[in-house]
Amino acid sequence: MRRVIVTGANGFMGLALTRRLLAEGAEVHAFTGRNHDSLEREASGAEIHSLHGRPLEAAELVRQIKPETIFHLATVVAEPNDANGLGALLEANISLGASLLQGASQCTKPPVFVNAGSYWQFDTDGSHLPNTLYAATKQAFDELLQYHRRKYRVPAATLILYDTFGEADTRKKLWRSLLTSPAGTDFALSPGEQRIHVVHVDDVVEAFLHAASLLREEKLEGSHYSVHSLHPRSLRELVESINTAADLQLSLKWGALPYPADQKFEPYVGEPLPGWSPRVDVLDAMVRYGRNAATLQEEKAR
């Protein structure tokens, strides 16, 4: 891939993908919102295009850049509390992607388009049943993507993503809280019977690159492919394993919190991406991260 666009390039997964592409010699055009500090620090070779408040300018940029591949990872997950929040969610989850597709459809040779989807869009049987406004907007954009795939022959696929983990993740995720808290910390948790797939970010990046290659070679016939772990665990099983294996010595209060509204207890698992499977053992990676965090805490305390 010589020339690519990555949206959401300042985010956790987008930044990991951008770094990988730069390392392989690609010309990376990073589309971001207002914040692009991480990109400037960690992926200085990327050309940054800030589209905050101007998502519809993406179409003209696509026509100018003429990318071979578009990786669309930009998203807003938080449920909006006001008009500004709603506007930000619609801008990232629908308007930006629609503009990218318009630009792609007007290129002499439409670029390959790999979209990040979510298992939250689906019921266990694969029927569309978004459980949040975030998931509903992701599903709405997916309909636009499939339209452009049929109408304008844009080579496109959506990768259905699950929970992700990586050592550089700064998001407010349960894993990070568990692994960086002092021994003896009380954790209030739901009963923990929901089954989850956790995939390391390096494997997710590999899935995006592999999907793009398959699309270029016209080897993907479907439109949706799952990027899931080989062995799903209940949340309770995984957290207990982390606590024991990393010797975190946390006090886990199962059942102290209710399940979130519309909790999915058995996540949808669709057709796997051909030729891809996760290689990183997530539990091992979490244990290493937890031990490193404990060592840093001990050094600071001295």
Protein backbone atom coordinates (compact mmCIF):
# COMPACT_ATOMS: atom_id res chain seq x y z
CA MET A 1 0.00 0.00 0.00
CA ARG A 2 1.70 3.14 -1.22
CA ARG A 3 -0.88 5.81 -0.44
CA VAL A 4 -3.55 5.40 2.22
CA ILE A 5 -6.05 7.36 4.30
CA VAL A 6 -6.63 6.46 7.94
CA THR A 7 -9.53 8.12 9.75
CA GLY A 8 -9.54 8.23 13.52
CA ALA A 9 -5.76 8.12 13.25
CA ASN A 10 -5.25 9.79 16.63
CA GLY A 11 -7.23 7.08 18.43
CA PHE A 12 -5.91 3.89 20.00
CA MET A 13 -6.41 1.57 17.03
CA GLY A 14 -5.97 4.23 14.37
CA LEU A 15 -2.62 5.27 15.78
CA ALA A 16 -1.41 1.67 15.94
CA LEU A 17 -2.45 1.15 12.31
CA THR A 18 -0.81 4.43 11.23
CA ARG A 19 2.49 3.50 12.86
CA ARG A 20 2.45 0.09 11.18
CA LEU A 21 1.74 1.60 7.75
CA LEU A 22 4.52 4.17 8.14
CA ALA A 23 6.93 1.43 9.16
CA GLU A 24 6.10 -0.38 5.94
CA GLY A 25 6.82 2.72 3.86
CA ALA A 26 3.31 3.85 3.04
CA GLU A 27 2.34 7.48 2.44
CA VAL A 28 -0.23 7.95 5.18
CA HIS A 29 -2.83 10.71 5.20
CA ALA A 30 -4.24 10.82 8.72
CA PHE A 31 -7.75 12.28 9.07
CA THR A 32 -8.44 13.49 12.61
CA GLY A 33 -10.74 15.67 14.65
CA ARG A 34 -9.60 18.47 16.89
CA ASN A 35 -6.94 16.49 18.74
CA HIS A 36 -3.88 15.11 16.95
CA ASP A 37 -1.23 15.34 19.69
CA SER A 38 -0.54 11.59 19.73
CA LEU A 39 -0.01 11.54 15.99
CA GLU A 40 2.51 14.37 16.14
CA ARG A 41 4.42 12.58 18.92
CA GLU A 42 4.29 8.99 17.73
CA ALA A 43 3.62 9.05 13.97
CA SER A 44 5.33 12.19 12.75
CA GLY A 45 5.68 10.83 9.22
CA ALA A 46 1.93 11.00 8.60
CA GLU A 47 0.37 13.96 6.80
CA ILE A 48 -2.32 15.23 9.14
CA HIS A 49 -5.67 16.57 7.91
CA SER A 50 -7.82 17.98 10.72
CA LEU A 51 -11.49 17.87 9.71
CA HIS A 52 -13.07 18.93 12.99
CA GLY A 53 -16.42 20.53 12.15
CA ARG A 54 -15.81 20.00 8.42
CA PRO A 55 -16.43 16.30 7.70
CA LEU A 56 -17.82 16.92 4.22
CA GLU A 57 -14.45 18.22 3.05
CA ALA A 58 -13.26 14.61 3.12
CA ALA A 59 -14.73 13.94 -0.35
CA GLU A 60 -12.54 16.54 -2.03
CA LEU A 61 -9.48 15.34 -0.11
CA VAL A 62 -10.08 11.78 -1.34
CA ARG A 63 -10.27 13.03 -4.92
CA GLN A 64 -7.03 14.98 -4.48
CA ILE A 65 -5.06 12.29 -2.62
CA LYS A 66 -6.24 9.39 -4.83
CA PRO A 67 -5.53 6.76 -2.16
CA GLU A 68 -5.22 3.07 -2.88
CA THR A 69 -6.87 2.25 0.44
CA ILE A 70 -9.11 3.97 2.98
CA PHE A 71 -9.18 2.62 6.53
CA HIS A 72 -12.21 4.14 8.26
CA LEU A 73 -11.80 3.86 12.05
CA ALA A 74 -13.07 7.28 13.18
CA THR A 75 -15.92 7.01 15.68
CA VAL A 76 -17.58 8.53 18.71
CA VAL A 77 -18.84 5.98 21.22
CA ALA A 78 -20.22 8.11 24.07
CA GLU A 79 -23.98 8.56 24.24
CA PRO A 80 -24.73 12.27 23.66
CA ASN A 81 -26.01 14.41 26.52
CA ASP A 82 -26.75 17.49 24.44
CA ALA A 83 -26.93 18.84 20.89
CA ASN A 84 -23.16 19.25 20.68
CA GLY A 85 -22.63 15.63 21.66
CA LEU A 86 -25.20 14.47 19.13
CA GLY A 87 -23.55 16.55 16.43
CA ALA A 88 -20.12 15.09 17.19
CA LEU A 89 -21.50 11.54 17.10
CA LEU A 90 -23.27 12.06 13.76
CA GLU A 91 -20.24 13.84 12.29
CA ALA A 92 -17.82 11.02 13.11
CA ASN A 93 -20.11 8.01 12.64
CA ILE A 94 -22.09 9.03 9.55
CA SER A 95 -21.15 12.32 7.86
CA LEU A 96 -17.40 11.72 7.59
CA GLY A 97 -17.84 8.22 6.21
CA ALA A 98 -20.51 9.34 3.74
CA SER A 99 -18.15 12.02 2.45
CA LEU A 100 -15.31 9.50 2.11
CA LEU A 101 -17.56 7.23 0.09
CA GLN A 102 -18.62 10.06 -2.20
CA GLY A 103 -14.99 10.87 -2.89
CA ALA A 104 -14.11 7.21 -3.38
CA SER A 105 -16.95 6.65 -5.85
CA GLN A 106 -15.73 9.60 -7.95
CA CYS A 107 -12.14 8.32 -8.27
CA THR A 108 -11.15 6.83 -11.64
CA LYS A 109 -10.24 3.67 -9.73
CA PRO A 110 -12.16 3.54 -6.45
CA PRO A 111 -9.89 2.84 -3.47
CA VAL A 112 -10.29 -0.23 -1.30
CA PHE A 113 -12.42 0.71 1.74
CA VAL A 114 -12.07 -1.15 5.06
CA ASN A 115 -14.59 -0.05 7.68
CA ALA A 116 -14.56 -0.66 11.44
CA GLY A 117 -17.87 -2.05 12.67
CA SER A 118 -18.99 -3.30 16.09
CA TYR A 119 -20.63 -6.45 17.41
CA TRP A 120 -22.98 -4.08 19.26
CA GLN A 121 -24.81 -3.68 15.92
CA PHE A 122 -26.10 -7.26 15.97
CA ASP A 123 -28.22 -9.71 17.87
CA THR A 124 -26.75 -13.15 18.55
CA ASP A 125 -28.34 -14.57 15.37
CA GLY A 126 -26.83 -11.83 13.19
CA SER A 127 -29.98 -9.74 12.79
CA HIS A 128 -29.54 -6.00 13.12
CA LEU A 129 -30.26 -4.97 16.70
CA PRO A 130 -28.08 -2.01 17.76
CA ASN A 131 -28.00 -1.65 21.54
CA THR A 132 -26.78 1.99 21.72
CA LEU A 133 -27.05 5.12 19.61
CA TYR A 134 -23.39 4.58 18.75
CA ALA A 135 -24.20 1.14 17.37
CA ALA A 136 -27.26 2.46 15.53
CA THR A 137 -25.19 5.12 13.75
CA LYS A 138 -22.53 2.52 12.88
CA GLN A 139 -25.29 0.40 11.36
CA ALA A 140 -26.69 3.37 9.45
CA PHE A 141 -23.28 4.07 7.94
CA ASP A 142 -22.86 0.40 7.05
CA GLU A 143 -26.00 0.67 4.91
CA LEU A 144 -24.38 3.58 3.06
CA LEU A 145 -21.23 1.54 2.60
CA GLN A 146 -23.11 -1.41 1.12
CA TYR A 147 -24.98 0.94 -1.22
CA HIS A 148 -21.71 2.35 -2.59
CA ARG A 149 -20.32 -1.18 -2.83
CA ARG A 150 -23.22 -2.22 -5.07
CA LYS A 151 -23.86 1.02 -6.98
CA TYR A 152 -20.31 2.30 -7.57
CA ARG A 153 -18.27 -0.90 -7.20
CA VAL A 154 -16.23 0.47 -4.29
CA PRO A 155 -14.30 -2.58 -3.02
CA ALA A 156 -15.43 -2.52 0.60
CA ALA A 157 -15.81 -4.65 3.70
CA THR A 158 -16.74 -4.05 7.32
CA LEU A 159 -14.72 -5.72 10.04
CA ILE A 160 -16.82 -6.49 13.11
CA LEU A 161 -14.65 -5.61 16.11
CA TYR A 162 -14.91 -6.69 19.73
CA ASP A 163 -13.12 -5.61 22.90
CA THR A 164 -9.50 -4.66 22.34
CA PHE A 165 -6.43 -4.49 24.52
CA GLY A 166 -2.99 -3.01 24.08
CA GLU A 167 -0.20 -1.85 26.33
CA ALA A 168 -0.36 1.70 24.94
CA ASP A 169 -4.11 2.04 25.48
CA THR A 170 -5.02 5.14 27.51
CA ARG A 171 -8.79 4.73 27.22
CA LYS A 172 -10.81 4.35 30.42
CA LYS A 173 -11.15 0.60 30.07
CA LEU A 174 -11.70 -1.94 32.84
CA TRP A 175 -8.44 -3.72 31.95
CA ARG A 176 -6.35 -0.60 32.53
CA SER A 177 -8.03 0.13 35.86
CA LEU A 178 -7.48 -3.43 37.06
CA LEU A 179 -3.86 -3.61 35.98
CA THR A 180 -2.76 -0.24 37.37
CA SER A 181 -4.56 -0.22 40.73
CA PRO A 182 -2.76 -0.84 44.04
CA ALA A 183 -3.11 -4.24 45.70
CA GLY A 184 -6.23 -4.50 47.84
CA THR A 185 -8.31 -2.08 45.78
CA ASP A 186 -12.06 -2.77 45.91
CA PHE A 187 -13.70 -3.20 42.51
CA ALA A 188 -17.48 -3.06 42.18
CA LEU A 189 -18.53 -5.19 39.21
CA SER A 190 -21.63 -6.64 37.60
CA PRO A 191 -22.23 -10.39 38.13
CA GLY A 192 -19.90 -10.86 35.15
CA GLU A 193 -21.69 -13.62 33.24
CA GLN A 194 -21.52 -11.81 29.88
CA ARG A 195 -19.19 -13.56 27.44
CA ILE A 196 -16.61 -11.39 25.70
CA HIS A 197 -13.99 -11.57 22.98
CA VAL A 198 -10.81 -9.62 23.69
CA VAL A 199 -8.34 -9.15 20.82
CA HIS A 200 -4.92 -7.53 21.04
CA VAL A 201 -4.54 -4.35 19.01
CA ASP A 202 -1.63 -5.83 17.02
CA ASP A 203 -3.96 -8.57 15.77
CA VAL A 204 -6.64 -6.00 14.91
CA VAL A 205 -4.12 -4.03 12.85
CA GLU A 206 -3.12 -7.24 11.08
CA ALA A 207 -6.80 -7.88 10.27
CA PHE A 208 -7.20 -4.46 8.65
CA LEU A 209 -4.11 -4.91 6.51
CA HIS A 210 -5.11 -8.43 5.54
CA ALA A 211 -8.66 -7.37 4.62
CA ALA A 212 -7.29 -4.60 2.39
CA SER A 213 -5.04 -7.08 0.60
CA LEU A 214 -7.90 -9.51 0.05
CA LEU A 215 -10.10 -6.73 -1.34
CA ARG A 216 -7.39 -5.61 -3.76
CA GLU A 217 -7.03 -9.20 -4.95
CA GLU A 218 -10.85 -9.51 -5.24
CA LYS A 219 -10.84 -12.43 -2.81
CA LEU A 220 -13.58 -11.19 -0.46
CA GLU A 221 -17.07 -12.02 -1.61
CA GLY A 222 -18.93 -11.04 1.55
CA SER A 223 -19.42 -7.66 3.17
CA HIS A 224 -18.90 -8.38 6.91
CA TYR A 225 -16.18 -10.32 8.68
CA SER A 226 -15.68 -10.91 12.40
CA VAL A 227 -12.36 -10.17 14.09
CA HIS A 228 -12.91 -12.17 17.27
CA SER A 229 -10.86 -14.19 19.73
CA LEU A 230 -10.63 -17.95 19.40
CA HIS A 231 -11.72 -18.57 22.98
CA PRO A 232 -14.36 -16.21 24.41
CA ARG A 233 -14.56 -15.99 28.19
CA SER A 234 -17.08 -14.67 30.63
CA LEU A 235 -16.07 -11.31 32.06
CA ARG A 236 -15.86 -12.94 35.48
CA GLU A 237 -13.55 -15.71 34.25
CA LEU A 238 -11.21 -13.26 32.52
CA VAL A 239 -10.99 -10.79 35.41
CA GLU A 240 -10.42 -13.57 37.96
CA SER A 241 -7.68 -14.98 35.72
CA ILE A 242 -5.99 -11.58 35.42
CA ASN A 243 -6.20 -11.01 39.18
CA THR A 244 -4.62 -14.38 39.93
CA ALA A 245 -2.05 -14.63 37.13
CA ALA A 246 -0.73 -11.08 37.60
CA ASP A 247 -0.96 -11.34 41.41
CA LEU A 248 -2.93 -8.07 41.55
CA GLN A 249 -4.53 -8.95 44.90
CA LEU A 250 -7.66 -6.95 44.09
CA SER A 251 -10.91 -7.30 46.04
CA LEU A 252 -13.51 -8.10 43.36
CA LYS A 253 -17.11 -7.31 44.36
CA TRP A 254 -19.14 -9.37 41.89
CA GLY A 255 -22.78 -8.34 41.67
CA ALA A 256 -22.22 -4.98 43.35
CA LEU A 257 -23.27 -3.24 40.11
CA PRO A 258 -26.21 -3.98 37.83
CA TYR A 259 -25.68 -5.00 34.23
CA PRO A 260 -25.70 -2.10 31.77
CA ALA A 261 -28.94 -1.54 29.87
CA ASP A 262 -29.25 -3.83 26.84
CA GLN A 263 -26.22 -5.90 27.90
CA LYS A 264 -25.31 -8.46 25.24
CA PHE A 265 -24.56 -11.70 27.09
CA GLU A 266 -23.61 -13.79 24.06
CA PRO A 267 -21.99 -11.60 21.38
CA TYR A 268 -22.71 -12.11 17.71
CA VAL A 269 -19.95 -13.97 15.88
CA GLY A 270 -20.20 -13.89 12.12
CA GLU A 271 -18.03 -15.19 9.30
CA PRO A 272 -14.36 -14.92 10.27
CA LEU A 273 -11.97 -12.98 8.07
CA PRO A 274 -10.42 -15.60 5.76
CA GLY A 275 -6.77 -16.28 6.47
CA TRP A 276 -6.70 -14.33 9.73
CA SER A 277 -6.62 -15.49 13.31
CA PRO A 278 -5.37 -13.82 16.50
CA ARG A 279 -1.78 -14.62 17.48
CA VAL A 280 -1.27 -12.63 20.66
CA ASP A 281 -2.36 -14.31 23.90
CA VAL A 282 -4.28 -11.45 25.50
CA LEU A 283 -4.12 -12.85 29.04
CA ASP A 284 -0.33 -13.19 28.81
CA ALA A 285 -0.07 -9.63 27.49
CA MET A 286 -2.24 -8.32 30.32
CA VAL A 287 -0.17 -10.16 32.93
CA ARG A 288 3.06 -8.68 31.55
CA TYR A 289 1.49 -5.22 31.53
CA GLY A 290 0.24 -5.65 35.11
CA ARG A 291 3.65 -6.74 36.36
CA ASN A 292 5.34 -3.81 34.62
CA ALA A 293 2.81 -1.42 36.17
CA ALA A 294 3.44 -2.91 39.62
CA THR A 295 7.20 -2.50 39.16
CA LEU A 296 6.78 1.15 38.21
CA GLN A 297 4.59 1.75 41.27
CA GLU A 298 7.22 0.18 43.52
CA GLU A 299 9.98 2.34 41.99
CA LYS A 300 7.93 5.50 42.49
CA ALA A 301 7.28 4.56 46.11
CA ARG A 302 11.01 4.27 46.90
